[in-house]
N, C-alpha and C. Protein backbone atom coordinates (compact mmCIF):
# COMPACT_ATOMS: atom_id res chain seq x y z
N UNK A 1 92.23 147.38 54.20
CA UNK A 1 91.71 146.31 55.05
C UNK A 1 90.36 146.73 55.63
N UNK A 2 89.35 145.88 55.45
CA UNK A 2 88.03 146.19 55.98
C UNK A 2 88.01 145.99 57.49
N UNK A 3 86.95 146.49 58.12
CA UNK A 3 86.81 146.31 59.57
C UNK A 3 86.73 144.83 59.91
N UNK A 4 86.02 144.06 59.11
CA UNK A 4 85.93 142.63 59.37
C UNK A 4 87.29 141.96 59.25
N UNK A 5 88.10 142.41 58.29
CA UNK A 5 89.46 141.88 58.15
C UNK A 5 90.29 142.18 59.41
N UNK A 6 90.15 143.40 59.93
CA UNK A 6 90.88 143.77 61.15
C UNK A 6 90.45 142.90 62.33
N UNK A 7 89.15 142.67 62.44
CA UNK A 7 88.63 141.83 63.52
C UNK A 7 89.17 140.41 63.39
N UNK A 8 89.13 139.87 62.18
CA UNK A 8 89.64 138.52 61.95
C UNK A 8 91.11 138.40 62.31
N UNK A 9 91.90 139.41 61.95
CA UNK A 9 93.34 139.35 62.23
C UNK A 9 93.61 139.34 63.73
N UNK A 10 92.95 140.22 64.47
CA UNK A 10 93.14 140.25 65.92
C UNK A 10 92.76 138.91 66.53
N UNK A 11 91.65 138.36 66.09
CA UNK A 11 91.19 137.07 66.65
C UNK A 11 92.15 135.94 66.30
N UNK A 12 92.58 135.87 65.06
CA UNK A 12 93.49 134.80 64.64
C UNK A 12 94.83 134.89 65.35
N UNK A 13 95.28 136.10 65.61
CA UNK A 13 96.59 136.30 66.25
C UNK A 13 96.57 136.04 67.75
N UNK A 14 95.39 136.09 68.37
CA UNK A 14 95.35 136.09 69.84
C UNK A 14 94.45 135.04 70.48
N UNK A 15 93.71 134.28 69.68
CA UNK A 15 92.77 133.32 70.26
C UNK A 15 92.94 131.94 69.63
N UNK A 16 92.30 130.96 70.24
CA UNK A 16 92.31 129.60 69.69
C UNK A 16 91.23 129.43 68.64
N UNK A 17 90.04 129.93 68.94
CA UNK A 17 88.90 129.85 68.02
C UNK A 17 88.13 131.17 68.07
N UNK A 18 87.51 131.50 66.96
CA UNK A 18 86.60 132.65 66.97
C UNK A 18 85.54 132.45 65.89
N UNK A 19 84.44 133.17 66.05
CA UNK A 19 83.37 133.07 65.06
C UNK A 19 82.44 134.26 65.15
N UNK A 20 81.54 134.35 64.17
CA UNK A 20 80.58 135.45 64.09
C UNK A 20 79.17 134.88 64.05
N UNK A 21 78.24 135.62 64.62
CA UNK A 21 76.84 135.18 64.62
C UNK A 21 75.90 136.37 64.49
N UNK A 22 74.78 136.15 63.84
CA UNK A 22 73.69 137.11 63.81
C UNK A 22 72.77 136.80 64.98
N UNK A 23 72.47 137.80 65.79
CA UNK A 23 71.67 137.54 67.00
C UNK A 23 70.36 138.32 67.02
N UNK A 24 69.97 138.88 65.89
CA UNK A 24 68.72 139.65 65.85
C UNK A 24 67.52 138.81 66.30
N UNK A 25 67.53 137.53 65.96
CA UNK A 25 66.42 136.65 66.31
C UNK A 25 66.67 135.86 67.58
N UNK A 26 67.74 136.22 68.31
CA UNK A 26 68.11 135.48 69.52
C UNK A 26 68.34 136.42 70.70
N UNK A 27 67.49 137.41 70.84
CA UNK A 27 67.64 138.38 71.92
C UNK A 27 67.42 137.76 73.30
N UNK A 28 66.82 136.58 73.34
CA UNK A 28 66.65 135.88 74.62
C UNK A 28 67.96 135.33 75.15
N UNK A 29 69.00 135.36 74.34
CA UNK A 29 70.32 134.89 74.77
C UNK A 29 71.09 135.94 75.56
N UNK A 30 70.57 137.18 75.59
CA UNK A 30 71.28 138.26 76.27
C UNK A 30 70.37 138.90 77.32
N UNK A 31 70.98 139.54 78.31
CA UNK A 31 70.21 140.23 79.35
C UNK A 31 69.57 141.49 78.77
N UNK A 32 68.62 142.05 79.50
CA UNK A 32 67.89 143.23 79.01
C UNK A 32 68.82 144.39 78.70
N UNK A 33 69.88 144.54 79.48
CA UNK A 33 70.81 145.66 79.29
C UNK A 33 71.60 145.55 77.99
N UNK A 34 71.65 144.35 77.40
CA UNK A 34 72.47 144.13 76.21
C UNK A 34 71.63 143.94 74.95
N UNK A 35 70.34 144.10 75.04
CA UNK A 35 69.49 143.89 73.87
C UNK A 35 69.67 145.04 72.87
N UNK A 36 69.42 144.75 71.59
CA UNK A 36 69.49 145.78 70.57
C UNK A 36 70.65 145.65 69.62
N UNK A 37 71.62 144.80 69.94
CA UNK A 37 72.74 144.57 69.02
C UNK A 37 72.37 143.45 68.04
N UNK A 38 72.82 143.58 66.81
CA UNK A 38 72.41 142.63 65.77
C UNK A 38 73.40 141.50 65.54
N UNK A 39 74.66 141.71 65.90
CA UNK A 39 75.69 140.71 65.60
C UNK A 39 76.62 140.50 66.80
N UNK A 40 77.32 139.38 66.76
CA UNK A 40 78.23 139.05 67.86
C UNK A 40 79.51 138.42 67.32
N UNK A 41 80.60 138.75 68.00
CA UNK A 41 81.90 138.12 67.77
C UNK A 41 82.21 137.31 69.02
N UNK A 42 82.43 136.04 68.87
CA UNK A 42 82.74 135.20 70.02
C UNK A 42 84.16 134.67 69.87
N UNK A 43 84.94 134.76 70.94
CA UNK A 43 86.33 134.31 70.91
C UNK A 43 86.58 133.29 72.01
N UNK A 44 87.48 132.36 71.74
CA UNK A 44 87.78 131.32 72.72
C UNK A 44 89.27 131.06 72.83
N UNK A 45 89.71 130.76 74.05
CA UNK A 45 91.11 130.40 74.31
C UNK A 45 91.13 129.07 75.04
N UNK A 46 91.97 128.17 74.59
CA UNK A 46 92.04 126.82 75.13
C UNK A 46 92.74 126.79 76.49
N UNK A 47 92.19 125.99 77.39
CA UNK A 47 92.84 125.72 78.67
C UNK A 47 93.91 124.66 78.43
N UNK A 48 95.15 124.86 78.85
CA UNK A 48 96.22 123.89 78.58
C UNK A 48 95.87 122.49 79.09
N UNK A 49 96.17 121.48 78.28
CA UNK A 49 95.84 120.10 78.64
C UNK A 49 96.53 119.65 79.92
N UNK A 50 97.77 120.07 80.10
CA UNK A 50 98.50 119.63 81.29
C UNK A 50 97.84 120.12 82.57
N UNK A 51 97.17 121.26 82.50
CA UNK A 51 96.43 121.77 83.66
C UNK A 51 95.14 120.98 83.86
N UNK A 52 94.42 120.71 82.78
CA UNK A 52 93.17 119.95 82.90
C UNK A 52 93.41 118.55 83.43
N UNK A 53 94.49 117.92 83.02
CA UNK A 53 94.74 116.54 83.43
C UNK A 53 95.16 116.43 84.90
N UNK A 54 95.53 117.55 85.50
CA UNK A 54 96.05 117.53 86.87
C UNK A 54 95.06 118.06 87.90
N UNK A 55 93.81 118.30 87.49
CA UNK A 55 92.87 118.94 88.42
C UNK A 55 92.38 118.00 89.53
N UNK A 56 92.75 116.74 89.48
CA UNK A 56 92.32 115.80 90.52
C UNK A 56 93.17 115.91 91.78
N UNK A 57 94.20 116.77 91.76
CA UNK A 57 95.01 117.02 92.95
C UNK A 57 94.74 118.44 93.45
N UNK A 58 95.05 118.70 94.72
CA UNK A 58 94.84 120.04 95.27
C UNK A 58 95.71 121.06 94.54
N UNK A 59 96.97 120.68 94.28
CA UNK A 59 97.86 121.58 93.55
C UNK A 59 97.30 121.85 92.15
N UNK A 60 96.73 120.81 91.56
CA UNK A 60 96.12 120.96 90.24
C UNK A 60 94.91 121.88 90.26
N UNK A 61 94.14 121.81 91.34
CA UNK A 61 93.00 122.71 91.48
C UNK A 61 93.45 124.16 91.52
N UNK A 62 94.56 124.42 92.23
CA UNK A 62 95.09 125.78 92.30
C UNK A 62 95.58 126.25 90.93
N UNK A 63 96.25 125.35 90.20
CA UNK A 63 96.73 125.69 88.86
C UNK A 63 95.56 125.98 87.92
N UNK A 64 94.51 125.19 88.05
CA UNK A 64 93.31 125.37 87.22
C UNK A 64 92.67 126.73 87.52
N UNK A 65 92.56 127.06 88.80
CA UNK A 65 91.99 128.36 89.18
C UNK A 65 92.81 129.50 88.59
N UNK A 66 94.14 129.39 88.69
CA UNK A 66 95.00 130.46 88.18
C UNK A 66 94.90 130.58 86.66
N UNK A 67 94.87 129.43 85.97
CA UNK A 67 94.76 129.44 84.51
C UNK A 67 93.40 129.99 84.08
N UNK A 68 92.37 129.60 84.79
CA UNK A 68 91.01 130.07 84.53
C UNK A 68 90.96 131.59 84.61
N UNK A 69 91.54 132.13 85.66
CA UNK A 69 91.56 133.59 85.85
C UNK A 69 92.42 134.27 84.79
N UNK A 70 93.58 133.70 84.52
CA UNK A 70 94.50 134.28 83.54
C UNK A 70 93.87 134.32 82.14
N UNK A 71 93.24 133.23 81.74
CA UNK A 71 92.62 133.16 80.42
C UNK A 71 91.43 134.12 80.34
N UNK A 72 90.63 134.16 81.39
CA UNK A 72 89.51 135.11 81.41
C UNK A 72 90.00 136.55 81.24
N UNK A 73 91.07 136.90 81.94
CA UNK A 73 91.61 138.26 81.84
C UNK A 73 92.11 138.55 80.42
N UNK A 74 92.74 137.55 79.80
CA UNK A 74 93.22 137.75 78.43
C UNK A 74 92.04 137.92 77.47
N UNK A 75 91.02 137.10 77.63
CA UNK A 75 89.82 137.23 76.80
C UNK A 75 89.19 138.60 76.96
N UNK A 76 89.09 139.07 78.19
CA UNK A 76 88.49 140.38 78.45
C UNK A 76 89.29 141.50 77.81
N UNK A 77 90.61 141.36 77.81
CA UNK A 77 91.46 142.36 77.16
C UNK A 77 91.26 142.39 75.66
N UNK A 78 91.12 141.22 75.06
CA UNK A 78 90.92 141.14 73.60
C UNK A 78 89.56 141.71 73.21
N UNK A 79 88.52 141.38 73.97
CA UNK A 79 87.19 141.91 73.63
C UNK A 79 87.14 143.43 73.80
N UNK A 80 87.85 143.96 74.78
CA UNK A 80 87.91 145.42 74.94
C UNK A 80 88.58 146.06 73.72
N UNK A 81 89.64 145.41 73.23
CA UNK A 81 90.34 145.93 72.06
C UNK A 81 89.43 145.89 70.83
N UNK A 82 88.70 144.80 70.66
CA UNK A 82 87.77 144.69 69.54
C UNK A 82 86.66 145.74 69.64
N UNK A 83 86.15 145.94 70.84
CA UNK A 83 85.12 146.96 71.05
C UNK A 83 85.64 148.34 70.64
N UNK A 84 86.85 148.64 71.04
CA UNK A 84 87.43 149.96 70.73
C UNK A 84 87.60 150.15 69.23
N UNK A 85 88.09 149.12 68.54
CA UNK A 85 88.31 149.22 67.10
C UNK A 85 86.99 149.42 66.36
N UNK A 86 85.97 148.69 66.77
CA UNK A 86 84.65 148.81 66.12
C UNK A 86 84.06 150.19 66.36
N UNK A 87 84.17 150.69 67.59
CA UNK A 87 83.66 152.02 67.90
C UNK A 87 84.40 153.10 67.12
N UNK A 88 85.70 152.91 66.93
CA UNK A 88 86.49 153.89 66.18
C UNK A 88 86.06 153.97 64.72
N UNK A 89 85.39 152.92 64.24
CA UNK A 89 84.88 152.91 62.86
C UNK A 89 83.46 153.47 62.80
N UNK A 90 82.92 153.91 63.96
CA UNK A 90 81.62 154.55 63.98
C UNK A 90 80.44 153.65 64.29
N UNK A 91 80.71 152.42 64.76
CA UNK A 91 79.63 151.48 65.08
C UNK A 91 79.54 151.26 66.59
N UNK A 92 78.35 151.00 67.06
CA UNK A 92 78.18 150.65 68.47
C UNK A 92 78.73 149.24 68.73
N UNK A 93 79.32 149.07 69.90
CA UNK A 93 79.85 147.76 70.28
C UNK A 93 79.91 147.67 71.80
N UNK A 94 79.83 146.44 72.30
CA UNK A 94 79.87 146.22 73.74
C UNK A 94 80.57 144.89 74.02
N UNK A 95 81.68 144.95 74.75
CA UNK A 95 82.37 143.73 75.15
C UNK A 95 81.68 143.13 76.37
N UNK A 96 81.61 141.80 76.40
CA UNK A 96 80.97 141.09 77.51
C UNK A 96 82.02 140.16 78.12
N UNK A 97 82.30 140.37 79.40
CA UNK A 97 83.37 139.63 80.07
C UNK A 97 83.14 138.13 80.04
N UNK A 98 84.25 137.40 80.13
CA UNK A 98 84.22 135.94 80.05
C UNK A 98 83.41 135.32 81.17
N UNK A 99 83.50 135.88 82.35
CA UNK A 99 82.84 135.26 83.50
C UNK A 99 82.27 136.34 84.43
N UNK A 100 80.96 136.45 84.41
CA UNK A 100 80.29 137.40 85.30
C UNK A 100 78.88 136.89 85.58
N UNK A 101 78.52 136.74 86.85
CA UNK A 101 77.20 136.26 87.24
C UNK A 101 76.35 137.46 87.67
N UNK A 102 75.19 137.59 87.07
CA UNK A 102 74.29 138.68 87.45
C UNK A 102 73.80 138.51 88.88
N UNK A 103 73.65 139.61 89.62
CA UNK A 103 73.25 139.53 91.03
C UNK A 103 71.74 139.39 91.23
N UNK A 104 71.11 138.52 90.45
CA UNK A 104 69.66 138.35 90.56
C UNK A 104 69.27 137.01 91.18
N UNK A 105 70.29 136.25 91.62
CA UNK A 105 70.02 134.99 92.28
C UNK A 105 69.69 133.83 91.35
N UNK A 106 69.78 134.04 90.04
CA UNK A 106 69.41 132.98 89.09
C UNK A 106 70.63 132.23 88.54
N UNK A 107 71.83 132.63 88.98
CA UNK A 107 73.07 131.96 88.57
C UNK A 107 73.24 131.93 87.05
N UNK A 108 73.10 133.08 86.43
CA UNK A 108 73.34 133.19 84.99
C UNK A 108 74.05 134.50 84.71
N UNK A 109 74.64 134.59 83.52
CA UNK A 109 75.41 135.77 83.17
C UNK A 109 74.62 136.76 82.32
N UNK A 110 75.32 137.80 81.87
CA UNK A 110 74.70 138.81 81.02
C UNK A 110 74.32 138.24 79.66
N UNK A 111 75.04 137.21 79.28
CA UNK A 111 74.92 136.66 77.94
C UNK A 111 75.46 135.23 77.96
N UNK A 112 74.92 134.37 77.12
CA UNK A 112 75.44 133.01 77.01
C UNK A 112 76.48 132.96 75.89
N UNK A 113 77.77 133.02 76.28
CA UNK A 113 78.84 132.91 75.28
C UNK A 113 78.72 131.59 74.53
N UNK A 114 78.34 130.54 75.24
CA UNK A 114 78.26 129.21 74.63
C UNK A 114 77.18 129.16 73.55
N UNK A 115 76.06 129.81 73.81
CA UNK A 115 74.99 129.84 72.82
C UNK A 115 75.43 130.61 71.58
N UNK A 116 76.15 131.70 71.78
CA UNK A 116 76.66 132.47 70.64
C UNK A 116 77.65 131.63 69.84
N UNK A 117 78.54 130.92 70.53
CA UNK A 117 79.51 130.06 69.85
C UNK A 117 78.81 128.95 69.08
N UNK A 118 77.70 128.46 69.63
CA UNK A 118 76.92 127.45 68.91
C UNK A 118 76.32 128.02 67.64
N UNK A 119 75.74 129.21 67.71
CA UNK A 119 75.20 129.87 66.52
C UNK A 119 76.27 130.09 65.47
N UNK A 120 77.49 130.37 65.93
CA UNK A 120 78.61 130.63 65.02
C UNK A 120 79.18 129.35 64.41
N UNK A 121 78.66 128.19 64.83
CA UNK A 121 79.11 126.93 64.25
C UNK A 121 80.40 126.40 64.82
N UNK A 122 80.78 126.87 66.02
CA UNK A 122 82.05 126.44 66.62
C UNK A 122 81.91 125.15 67.42
N UNK A 123 80.70 124.72 67.70
CA UNK A 123 80.49 123.50 68.47
C UNK A 123 79.04 123.40 68.90
N UNK A 124 78.74 122.42 69.73
CA UNK A 124 77.38 122.20 70.20
C UNK A 124 77.31 122.28 71.72
N UNK A 125 76.12 122.49 72.23
CA UNK A 125 75.90 122.50 73.67
C UNK A 125 75.78 121.05 74.13
N UNK A 126 76.69 120.63 75.01
CA UNK A 126 76.70 119.25 75.48
C UNK A 126 75.75 119.02 76.64
N UNK A 127 75.71 117.77 77.10
CA UNK A 127 74.87 117.42 78.25
C UNK A 127 75.34 118.13 79.51
N UNK A 128 76.59 118.59 79.49
CA UNK A 128 77.16 119.35 80.60
C UNK A 128 76.82 120.83 80.53
N UNK A 129 76.08 121.22 79.48
CA UNK A 129 75.78 122.63 79.20
C UNK A 129 77.02 123.43 78.81
N UNK A 130 78.11 122.74 78.54
CA UNK A 130 79.32 123.39 78.02
C UNK A 130 79.27 123.39 76.50
N UNK A 131 80.04 124.27 75.88
CA UNK A 131 80.17 124.28 74.43
C UNK A 131 81.24 123.25 74.07
N UNK A 132 80.86 122.22 73.33
CA UNK A 132 81.79 121.16 72.95
C UNK A 132 82.28 121.42 71.53
N UNK A 133 83.57 121.66 71.37
CA UNK A 133 84.13 121.86 70.05
C UNK A 133 84.70 120.54 69.53
N UNK A 134 84.60 120.28 68.22
CA UNK A 134 85.16 119.04 67.69
C UNK A 134 86.67 118.93 67.92
N UNK A 135 87.37 120.08 67.85
CA UNK A 135 88.83 120.06 67.96
C UNK A 135 89.33 119.89 69.39
N UNK A 136 88.70 120.55 70.34
CA UNK A 136 89.24 120.62 71.70
C UNK A 136 88.23 120.21 72.78
N UNK A 137 87.08 119.70 72.39
CA UNK A 137 86.07 119.40 73.39
C UNK A 137 85.63 120.66 74.10
N UNK A 138 85.38 120.57 75.42
CA UNK A 138 84.93 121.75 76.17
C UNK A 138 86.08 122.54 76.81
N UNK A 139 87.31 122.27 76.42
CA UNK A 139 88.47 122.90 77.08
C UNK A 139 88.76 124.30 76.55
N UNK A 140 87.72 125.09 76.40
CA UNK A 140 87.83 126.45 75.86
C UNK A 140 87.05 127.40 76.77
N UNK A 141 87.66 128.54 77.07
CA UNK A 141 86.96 129.64 77.74
C UNK A 141 86.53 130.64 76.68
N UNK A 142 85.37 131.28 76.88
CA UNK A 142 84.77 132.13 75.86
C UNK A 142 84.48 133.55 76.36
N UNK A 143 84.47 134.49 75.42
CA UNK A 143 84.00 135.86 75.67
C UNK A 143 83.40 136.39 74.37
N UNK A 144 82.67 137.49 74.47
CA UNK A 144 81.89 137.95 73.32
C UNK A 144 81.94 139.47 73.19
N UNK A 145 81.84 139.94 71.95
CA UNK A 145 81.62 141.35 71.66
C UNK A 145 80.32 141.46 70.87
N UNK A 146 79.41 142.29 71.34
CA UNK A 146 78.17 142.57 70.62
C UNK A 146 78.33 143.85 69.82
N UNK A 147 77.71 143.92 68.65
CA UNK A 147 77.87 145.09 67.81
C UNK A 147 76.68 145.27 66.87
N UNK A 148 76.52 146.50 66.40
CA UNK A 148 75.54 146.77 65.36
C UNK A 148 76.18 146.62 63.98
N UNK A 149 77.49 146.46 63.94
CA UNK A 149 78.19 146.29 62.66
C UNK A 149 77.75 144.99 62.00
N UNK A 150 77.35 145.08 60.73
CA UNK A 150 76.87 143.91 60.00
C UNK A 150 78.05 143.03 59.58
N UNK A 151 78.19 141.91 60.24
CA UNK A 151 79.29 140.99 59.95
C UNK A 151 79.00 140.09 58.75
N UNK A 152 77.82 140.26 58.16
CA UNK A 152 77.44 139.53 56.95
C UNK A 152 77.68 138.03 57.11
N UNK A 153 77.02 137.48 58.11
CA UNK A 153 77.21 136.08 58.43
C UNK A 153 75.87 135.37 58.49
N UNK A 154 75.87 134.11 58.07
CA UNK A 154 74.69 133.26 58.18
C UNK A 154 74.95 132.24 59.28
N UNK A 155 74.06 132.18 60.26
CA UNK A 155 74.27 131.28 61.39
C UNK A 155 74.31 129.82 60.93
N UNK A 156 75.17 129.05 61.60
CA UNK A 156 75.33 127.64 61.27
C UNK A 156 75.45 126.83 62.56
N UNK A 157 74.39 126.80 63.38
CA UNK A 157 74.48 126.10 64.67
C UNK A 157 74.77 124.62 64.49
N UNK A 158 75.64 124.10 65.35
CA UNK A 158 76.03 122.70 65.30
C UNK A 158 75.06 121.86 66.13
N UNK A 159 74.60 120.76 65.57
CA UNK A 159 73.68 119.87 66.28
C UNK A 159 74.43 119.06 67.33
N UNK A 160 73.77 118.67 68.42
CA UNK A 160 74.43 117.87 69.48
C UNK A 160 75.01 116.58 68.94
N UNK A 161 76.19 116.23 69.42
CA UNK A 161 76.89 115.03 68.98
C UNK A 161 77.21 114.09 70.15
N UNK A 162 76.62 114.32 71.30
CA UNK A 162 76.95 113.52 72.48
C UNK A 162 76.34 112.13 72.45
N UNK A 163 75.18 111.99 71.81
CA UNK A 163 74.51 110.70 71.66
C UNK A 163 74.31 110.01 73.02
N UNK A 164 74.80 108.78 73.16
CA UNK A 164 74.58 108.03 74.41
C UNK A 164 75.68 108.26 75.44
N UNK A 165 76.69 109.05 75.11
CA UNK A 165 77.78 109.32 76.07
C UNK A 165 77.22 110.03 77.29
N UNK A 166 77.65 109.61 78.46
CA UNK A 166 77.21 110.26 79.70
C UNK A 166 78.37 110.36 80.69
N UNK A 167 79.58 110.49 80.19
CA UNK A 167 80.74 110.59 81.08
C UNK A 167 80.64 111.80 82.00
N UNK A 168 80.24 112.94 81.46
CA UNK A 168 80.12 114.15 82.30
C UNK A 168 79.00 113.99 83.32
N UNK A 169 77.92 113.34 82.91
CA UNK A 169 76.79 113.12 83.81
C UNK A 169 77.21 112.27 85.00
N UNK A 170 77.96 111.20 84.72
CA UNK A 170 78.33 110.25 85.77
C UNK A 170 79.41 110.77 86.71
N UNK A 171 80.31 111.62 86.19
CA UNK A 171 81.43 112.06 87.02
C UNK A 171 81.06 113.25 87.90
N UNK A 172 79.98 113.94 87.60
CA UNK A 172 79.63 115.17 88.33
C UNK A 172 79.38 114.87 89.81
N UNK A 173 80.18 115.46 90.71
CA UNK A 173 80.02 115.18 92.15
C UNK A 173 78.74 115.74 92.75
N UNK A 174 78.12 116.70 92.06
CA UNK A 174 76.89 117.29 92.59
C UNK A 174 75.64 116.76 91.89
N UNK A 175 75.83 115.84 90.93
CA UNK A 175 74.71 115.26 90.18
C UNK A 175 73.84 116.35 89.57
N UNK A 176 74.51 117.30 88.93
CA UNK A 176 73.81 118.48 88.40
C UNK A 176 73.25 118.28 87.00
N UNK A 177 73.70 117.22 86.29
CA UNK A 177 73.29 117.03 84.90
C UNK A 177 72.21 115.95 84.79
N UNK A 178 71.29 116.16 83.84
CA UNK A 178 70.12 115.28 83.72
C UNK A 178 70.19 114.32 82.54
N UNK A 179 71.35 114.21 81.89
CA UNK A 179 71.52 113.31 80.74
C UNK A 179 70.54 113.65 79.62
N UNK A 180 70.38 114.95 79.36
CA UNK A 180 69.46 115.42 78.33
C UNK A 180 70.24 116.23 77.30
N UNK A 181 70.05 115.92 76.02
CA UNK A 181 70.73 116.68 74.98
C UNK A 181 70.04 118.04 74.76
N UNK A 182 70.80 118.96 74.23
CA UNK A 182 70.36 120.34 74.06
C UNK A 182 69.26 120.47 73.01
N UNK A 183 68.24 121.24 73.36
CA UNK A 183 67.24 121.73 72.41
C UNK A 183 67.05 123.21 72.70
N UNK A 184 67.14 124.08 71.68
CA UNK A 184 67.12 125.52 71.93
C UNK A 184 65.86 126.01 72.62
N UNK A 185 64.75 125.28 72.48
CA UNK A 185 63.51 125.72 73.10
C UNK A 185 63.41 125.37 74.58
N UNK A 186 64.32 124.53 75.07
CA UNK A 186 64.27 124.11 76.47
C UNK A 186 64.99 125.10 77.38
N UNK A 187 64.49 125.36 78.58
CA UNK A 187 65.26 126.14 79.56
C UNK A 187 66.46 125.34 80.05
N UNK A 188 67.44 126.03 80.56
CA UNK A 188 68.66 125.38 81.06
C UNK A 188 68.35 124.31 82.09
N UNK A 189 67.35 124.54 82.91
CA UNK A 189 67.04 123.64 84.01
C UNK A 189 66.65 122.24 83.55
N UNK A 190 66.24 122.10 82.30
CA UNK A 190 65.92 120.77 81.76
C UNK A 190 67.17 119.90 81.72
N UNK A 191 68.31 120.53 81.45
CA UNK A 191 69.57 119.80 81.30
C UNK A 191 70.45 119.85 82.55
N UNK A 192 70.35 120.96 83.29
CA UNK A 192 71.38 121.27 84.28
C UNK A 192 70.80 122.05 85.45
N UNK A 193 71.14 121.62 86.66
CA UNK A 193 70.74 122.33 87.88
C UNK A 193 71.93 123.14 88.39
N UNK A 194 71.95 124.42 88.05
CA UNK A 194 73.08 125.28 88.42
C UNK A 194 73.21 125.43 89.93
N UNK A 195 72.11 125.28 90.65
CA UNK A 195 72.15 125.45 92.09
C UNK A 195 72.84 124.27 92.78
N UNK A 196 72.73 123.08 92.21
CA UNK A 196 73.47 121.93 92.73
C UNK A 196 74.97 122.16 92.55
N UNK A 197 75.34 122.67 91.40
CA UNK A 197 76.75 122.96 91.11
C UNK A 197 77.28 124.02 92.07
N UNK A 198 76.53 125.08 92.26
CA UNK A 198 76.93 126.15 93.16
C UNK A 198 77.02 125.66 94.60
N UNK A 199 76.11 124.78 94.98
CA UNK A 199 76.15 124.21 96.33
C UNK A 199 77.40 123.40 96.57
N UNK A 200 77.84 122.69 95.54
CA UNK A 200 79.09 121.92 95.65
C UNK A 200 80.28 122.86 95.79
N UNK A 201 80.26 123.97 95.05
CA UNK A 201 81.32 124.97 95.18
C UNK A 201 81.37 125.54 96.59
N UNK A 202 80.21 125.73 97.19
CA UNK A 202 80.15 126.21 98.58
C UNK A 202 80.87 125.23 99.51
N UNK A 203 80.67 123.94 99.29
CA UNK A 203 81.33 122.92 100.11
C UNK A 203 82.84 122.97 99.92
N UNK A 204 83.27 123.13 98.66
CA UNK A 204 84.71 123.23 98.39
C UNK A 204 85.31 124.42 99.12
N UNK A 205 84.61 125.54 99.07
CA UNK A 205 85.09 126.77 99.71
C UNK A 205 85.25 126.57 101.21
N UNK A 206 84.33 125.87 101.83
CA UNK A 206 84.42 125.60 103.26
C UNK A 206 85.62 124.72 103.60
N UNK A 207 86.05 123.91 102.62
CA UNK A 207 87.22 123.05 102.81
C UNK A 207 88.51 123.75 102.40
N UNK A 208 88.43 125.08 102.15
CA UNK A 208 89.58 125.88 101.75
C UNK A 208 90.14 125.44 100.40
N UNK A 209 89.25 124.96 99.54
CA UNK A 209 89.65 124.57 98.19
C UNK A 209 89.10 125.59 97.20
N UNK A 210 89.70 125.71 96.00
CA UNK A 210 89.20 126.67 95.01
C UNK A 210 87.74 126.40 94.65
N UNK A 211 87.03 127.45 94.37
CA UNK A 211 85.61 127.35 94.02
C UNK A 211 85.45 127.01 92.54
N UNK A 212 86.05 125.91 92.15
CA UNK A 212 86.01 125.41 90.78
C UNK A 212 86.04 123.89 90.83
N UNK A 213 85.53 123.26 89.78
CA UNK A 213 85.56 121.79 89.73
C UNK A 213 86.27 121.34 88.45
N UNK A 214 85.59 121.40 87.31
CA UNK A 214 86.21 121.08 86.04
C UNK A 214 86.23 119.62 85.64
N UNK A 215 85.64 118.74 86.45
CA UNK A 215 85.67 117.31 86.11
C UNK A 215 84.91 117.02 84.82
N UNK A 216 83.81 117.73 84.58
CA UNK A 216 83.07 117.51 83.34
C UNK A 216 83.87 117.98 82.13
N UNK A 217 84.73 118.97 82.32
CA UNK A 217 85.61 119.44 81.25
C UNK A 217 86.69 118.40 80.98
N UNK A 218 87.28 117.88 82.04
CA UNK A 218 88.37 116.93 81.93
C UNK A 218 87.96 115.63 81.27
N UNK A 219 86.77 115.11 81.61
CA UNK A 219 86.39 113.76 81.21
C UNK A 219 85.85 113.68 79.78
N UNK A 220 85.45 114.79 79.20
CA UNK A 220 84.86 114.76 77.86
C UNK A 220 85.84 114.21 76.83
N UNK A 221 85.43 113.20 76.05
CA UNK A 221 86.36 112.57 75.10
C UNK A 221 86.58 113.36 73.82
N UNK A 222 85.76 114.36 73.55
CA UNK A 222 85.92 115.12 72.31
C UNK A 222 87.23 115.92 72.33
N UNK A 223 87.92 115.92 71.21
CA UNK A 223 89.19 116.63 71.09
C UNK A 223 90.39 115.85 71.57
N UNK A 224 90.19 114.56 71.90
CA UNK A 224 91.29 113.75 72.43
C UNK A 224 92.50 113.74 71.50
N UNK A 225 92.25 113.67 70.20
CA UNK A 225 93.35 113.57 69.25
C UNK A 225 94.24 114.79 69.20
N UNK A 226 93.76 115.93 69.69
CA UNK A 226 94.55 117.16 69.67
C UNK A 226 95.20 117.47 71.00
N UNK A 227 95.14 116.53 71.94
CA UNK A 227 95.69 116.79 73.27
C UNK A 227 97.14 116.37 73.36
N UNK A 228 97.91 117.19 74.09
CA UNK A 228 99.30 116.83 74.36
C UNK A 228 99.36 115.69 75.37
N UNK A 229 98.39 115.68 76.28
CA UNK A 229 98.30 114.63 77.29
C UNK A 229 96.95 113.98 77.16
N UNK A 230 96.90 112.68 76.94
CA UNK A 230 95.65 111.96 76.74
C UNK A 230 95.00 111.63 78.08
N UNK A 231 93.68 111.45 78.07
CA UNK A 231 92.95 111.05 79.27
C UNK A 231 93.40 109.64 79.66
């Protein structure tokens, strides 16, 4: 069994979706500390539909927070395992946690998991700045492993499919989305104001509510046919 076969097996056995991408020409997608890796493995785990459909209640918000944390922890465990296996074969590798905000005040992470998933052909960047998959919409949490191991992959980024839909734009309580489809040359701020979103989370926190929203995830119509509970 090749190293790539081992990676595929771990991903298929433990995740909802996974893919590979070449990132040599996309070093702007990662922070300075993570530059120099040529390939990426991106993995995703679906958030249960019954949890997403119930986030409009306080109890549902708590369940969403717990599921969010639980899935992130599982993703982080899988990426650590993949990192270890790749290193044991003599290649450099670095796991990147599912959710971590750099302390530079810019409200961004070490790496854009969503951008990597887009390069891998798993979906497109929606007007919500979430990765929209055809099968499950945006109801997926992501994590990534960077490596120098040549995964022998050709990038196949998915083009935006949101068209005139603006459900996420209209439902956002902080009015953070600008109804603009993704273009790789545009900065995030063209589509999304992360500071408006963070400000809304601050208000939730003051009300003793979880620092999460998820309405843009819930309302997206993509993946409806695969849901146990329909919108």
